[in-house]
């Protein structure tokens, strides 16, 4: 019996996704949001104690991140 191992390409890191965003790939920013939304929402909920407020804060955070992406000093972080 012959088995083949198919290797999945490595997921791009945050710096690569930021570079893709800056090159015009909006889907790359969606991947950044997917990757970090749980943490951002959790932090916002811890700060507010309100699910509704935390969701609004998280959304605002990502909108600001999108608008200021070119000013990011450390894309890997």
Protein backbone atom coordinates (compact mmCIF):
# COMPACT_ATOMS: atom_id res chain seq x y z
CA UNK A 1 0.00 0.00 0.00
CA UNK A 2 1.33 3.42 -0.97
CA UNK A 3 0.41 6.46 1.02
CA UNK A 4 1.16 10.00 0.11
CA UNK A 5 1.58 12.80 2.53
CA UNK A 6 0.24 16.02 1.20
CA UNK A 7 1.76 18.98 2.88
CA UNK A 8 -0.47 21.92 3.57
CA UNK A 9 1.12 25.26 2.83
CA UNK A 10 2.00 27.14 5.98
CA UNK A 11 -0.52 29.76 6.99
CA UNK A 12 0.81 33.25 6.40
CA UNK A 13 1.98 35.07 9.50
CA UNK A 14 0.62 38.46 10.50
CA UNK A 15 3.45 40.36 8.79
CA UNK A 16 2.69 38.59 5.51
CA UNK A 17 -1.02 39.32 5.87
CA UNK A 18 -0.30 42.99 6.57
CA UNK A 19 1.88 43.15 3.46
CA UNK A 20 -0.94 41.58 1.44
CA UNK A 21 -3.40 44.12 2.85
CA UNK A 22 -1.13 46.98 1.91
CA UNK A 23 -0.89 45.53 -1.58
CA UNK A 24 -4.67 45.72 -1.89
CA UNK A 25 -5.83 42.30 -0.71
CA UNK A 26 -8.85 43.01 1.52
CA UNK A 27 -9.36 39.31 2.20
CA UNK A 28 -6.01 39.28 4.00
CA UNK A 29 -7.38 41.76 6.52
CA UNK A 30 -10.36 39.47 7.03
CA UNK A 31 -7.92 36.72 7.96
CA UNK A 32 -6.26 39.05 10.47
CA UNK A 33 -9.66 39.80 12.00
CA UNK A 34 -10.54 36.09 12.16
CA UNK A 35 -7.22 35.35 13.82
CA UNK A 36 -7.51 38.03 16.51
CA UNK A 37 -11.22 38.71 17.03
CA UNK A 38 -11.62 36.36 19.98
CA UNK A 39 -8.82 38.06 21.90
CA UNK A 40 -9.99 41.58 21.05
CA UNK A 41 -13.60 40.77 21.97
CA UNK A 42 -12.50 39.13 25.22
CA UNK A 43 -10.40 42.12 26.22
CA UNK A 44 -13.22 44.50 25.37
CA UNK A 45 -15.67 42.41 27.39
CA UNK A 46 -13.30 42.35 30.36
CA UNK A 47 -13.08 46.12 30.22
CA UNK A 48 -16.82 46.78 29.83
CA UNK A 49 -18.68 43.79 31.24
CA UNK A 50 -21.17 44.24 28.42
CA UNK A 51 -21.41 41.95 25.42
CA UNK A 52 -22.98 44.64 23.25
CA UNK A 53 -20.37 47.25 24.18
CA UNK A 54 -17.54 44.76 23.74
CA UNK A 55 -18.72 43.88 20.23
CA UNK A 56 -18.94 47.58 19.33
CA UNK A 57 -15.46 48.23 20.74
CA UNK A 58 -14.01 45.26 18.89
CA UNK A 59 -15.53 46.46 15.63
CA UNK A 60 -14.19 49.97 16.20
CA UNK A 61 -10.77 48.51 16.98
CA UNK A 62 -10.61 46.66 13.68
CA UNK A 63 -11.89 49.66 11.70
CA UNK A 64 -9.17 51.83 13.23
CA UNK A 65 -6.59 49.10 12.55
CA UNK A 66 -7.66 48.99 8.89
CA UNK A 67 -7.45 52.77 8.54
CA UNK A 68 -4.04 53.00 10.21
CA UNK A 69 -2.47 49.86 8.75
CA UNK A 70 0.16 51.84 6.82
CA UNK A 71 1.40 53.35 10.08
CA UNK A 72 2.00 49.99 11.73
CA UNK A 73 5.55 49.83 13.07
CA UNK A 74 5.77 46.10 13.80
CA UNK A 75 3.55 44.13 11.38
CA UNK A 76 4.60 40.79 12.88
CA UNK A 77 3.02 41.80 16.17
